[in-house]
Amino acid sequence: MIRSGIPVEKALQSLAKESDGLLRRELTKIYEQTMMGVPLTSALEESSHRVNSVEYQFFTIVLALNQDAGWILCRIPCRI
């Protein structure tokens, strides 16, 4: 379960623990990269290239936009 007010990186770590297979590996990799100093947007972009899924690419774009623009995540999907 994701709690409000936690950093995106910690939310990704939480999601990774609750996921299986490819999603778990990708979210774990993103979290690990950010902990080593890779900017979140870079880690998300790399991940979106590795996963052949339009939905996953949308997910990474939304997170990157949130990181770059400081938008509130719940507002993005509602406006698209």
C-alpha atoms as a PDB file:
ATOM      1  CA  MET A   1       0.000   0.000   0.000  1.00  0.00           C
ATOM      2  CA  ILE A   2       1.259   3.466  -0.922  1.00  0.00           C
ATOM      3  CA  ARG A   3       0.863   6.258   1.602  1.00  0.00           C
ATOM      4  CA  SER A   4       0.444   9.885   0.635  1.00  0.00           C
ATOM      5  CA  GLY A   5       3.282  12.250   1.349  1.00  0.00           C
ATOM      6  CA  ILE A   6       6.124   9.788   0.763  1.00  0.00           C
ATOM      7  CA  PRO A   7       8.802  10.499  -1.866  1.00  0.00           C
ATOM      8  CA  VAL A   8       8.242   9.010  -5.315  1.00  0.00           C
ATOM      9  CA  GLU A   9      11.362   6.862  -4.955  1.00  0.00           C
ATOM     10  CA  LYS A  10      10.020   5.264  -1.767  1.00  0.00           C
ATOM     11  CA  ALA A  11       6.639   4.749  -3.420  1.00  0.00           C
ATOM     12  CA  LEU A  12       8.368   2.921  -6.279  1.00  0.00           C
ATOM     13  CA  GLN A  13      10.222   0.744  -3.776  1.00  0.00           C
ATOM     14  CA  SER A  14       6.914  -0.084  -2.095  1.00  0.00           C
ATOM     15  CA  LEU A  15       5.269  -0.887  -5.424  1.00  0.00           C
ATOM     16  CA  ALA A  16       8.202  -3.113  -6.384  1.00  0.00           C
ATOM     17  CA  LYS A  17       7.812  -5.144  -3.203  1.00  0.00           C
ATOM     18  CA  GLU A  18       4.112  -5.684  -3.959  1.00  0.00           C
ATOM     19  CA  SER A  19       4.628  -6.546  -7.642  1.00  0.00           C
ATOM     20  CA  ASP A  20       5.794  -9.628  -9.494  1.00  0.00           C
ATOM     21  CA  GLY A  21       7.922 -10.452 -12.507  1.00  0.00           C
ATOM     22  CA  LEU A  22       8.987  -7.769 -14.961  1.00  0.00           C
ATOM     23  CA  LEU A  23       7.263  -4.924 -13.122  1.00  0.00           C
ATOM     24  CA  ARG A  24       9.031  -5.831  -9.882  1.00  0.00           C
ATOM     25  CA  ARG A  25      12.417  -5.944 -11.644  1.00  0.00           C
ATOM     26  CA  GLU A  26      11.899  -2.616 -13.402  1.00  0.00           C
ATOM     27  CA  LEU A  27      10.644  -0.739 -10.352  1.00  0.00           C
ATOM     28  CA  THR A  28      13.466  -2.170  -8.255  1.00  0.00           C
ATOM     29  CA  LYS A  29      15.990  -1.117 -10.887  1.00  0.00           C
ATOM     30  CA  ILE A  30      14.553   2.424 -10.981  1.00  0.00           C
ATOM     31  CA  TYR A  31      14.702   2.653  -7.189  1.00  0.00           C
ATOM     32  CA  GLU A  32      18.278   1.328  -7.062  1.00  0.00           C
ATOM     33  CA  GLN A  33      19.407   3.728  -9.790  1.00  0.00           C
ATOM     34  CA  THR A  34      17.944   6.711  -7.953  1.00  0.00           C
ATOM     35  CA  MET A  35      19.638   5.628  -4.732  1.00  0.00           C
ATOM     36  CA  MET A  36      22.961   5.635  -6.647  1.00  0.00           C
ATOM     37  CA  GLY A  37      22.363   9.210  -7.809  1.00  0.00           C
ATOM     38  CA  VAL A  38      20.777   8.695 -11.228  1.00  0.00           C
ATOM     39  CA  PRO A  39      18.060  11.319 -11.725  1.00  0.00           C
ATOM     40  CA  LEU A  40      14.583   9.806 -11.498  1.00  0.00           C
ATOM     41  CA  THR A  41      13.616  11.104 -14.931  1.00  0.00           C
ATOM     42  CA  SER A  42      16.650   9.377 -16.492  1.00  0.00           C
ATOM     43  CA  ALA A  43      15.917   6.090 -14.730  1.00  0.00           C
ATOM     44  CA  LEU A  44      12.281   6.275 -15.845  1.00  0.00           C
ATOM     45  CA  GLU A  45      13.237   7.018 -19.451  1.00  0.00           C
ATOM     46  CA  GLU A  46      15.656   4.071 -19.573  1.00  0.00           C
ATOM     47  CA  SER A  47      13.012   1.801 -18.079  1.00  0.00           C
ATOM     48  CA  SER A  48      10.362   2.886 -20.574  1.00  0.00           C
ATOM     49  CA  HIS A  49      12.707   1.884 -23.422  1.00  0.00           C
ATOM     50  CA  ARG A  50      13.235  -1.582 -21.931  1.00  0.00           C
ATOM     51  CA  VAL A  51       9.544  -2.373 -21.400  1.00  0.00           C
ATOM     52  CA  ASN A  52       7.434  -2.806 -24.526  1.00  0.00           C
ATOM     53  CA  SER A  53       4.132  -1.604 -23.106  1.00  0.00           C
ATOM     54  CA  VAL A  54       2.199   1.561 -23.931  1.00  0.00           C
ATOM     55  CA  GLU A  55       0.630   1.562 -20.461  1.00  0.00           C
ATOM     56  CA  TYR A  56       4.017   1.302 -18.760  1.00  0.00           C
ATOM     57  CA  GLN A  57       5.432   4.059 -20.959  1.00  0.00           C
ATOM     58  CA  PHE A  58       2.473   6.263 -19.997  1.00  0.00           C
ATOM     59  CA  PHE A  59       3.148   5.464 -16.325  1.00  0.00           C
ATOM     60  CA  THR A  60       6.803   6.503 -16.645  1.00  0.00           C
ATOM     61  CA  ILE A  61       5.889   9.682 -18.526  1.00  0.00           C
ATOM     62  CA  VAL A  62       3.410  10.703 -15.823  1.00  0.00           C
ATOM     63  CA  LEU A  63       6.013  10.136 -13.108  1.00  0.00           C
ATOM     64  CA  ALA A  64       8.660  12.063 -15.066  1.00  0.00           C
ATOM     65  CA  LEU A  65       6.269  14.977 -15.588  1.00  0.00           C
ATOM     66  CA  ASN A  66       5.473  14.954 -11.895  1.00  0.00           C
ATOM     67  CA  GLN A  67       9.174  15.070 -11.072  1.00  0.00           C
ATOM     68  CA  ASP A  68       9.984  17.827 -13.572  1.00  0.00           C
ATOM     69  CA  ALA A  69       6.942  20.033 -13.062  1.00  0.00           C
ATOM     70  CA  GLY A  70       6.027  19.257  -9.483  1.00  0.00           C
ATOM     71  CA  TRP A  71       2.456  18.412 -10.475  1.00  0.00           C
ATOM     72  CA  ILE A  72       0.165  16.534  -8.165  1.00  0.00           C
ATOM     73  CA  LEU A  73      -0.026  12.972  -9.508  1.00  0.00           C
ATOM     74  CA  CYS A  74      -3.762  12.536  -9.103  1.00  0.00           C
ATOM     75  CA  ARG A  75      -4.461  15.563 -11.310  1.00  0.00           C
ATOM     76  CA  ILE A  76      -2.578  14.275 -14.358  1.00  0.00           C
ATOM     77  CA  PRO A  77      -4.698  11.218 -15.303  1.00  0.00           C
ATOM     78  CA  CYS A  78      -7.891  13.129 -14.567  1.00  0.00           C
ATOM     79  CA  ARG A  79      -7.038  15.787 -17.122  1.00  0.00           C
ATOM     80  CA  ILE A  80      -6.040  13.465 -19.962  1.00  0.00           C
END
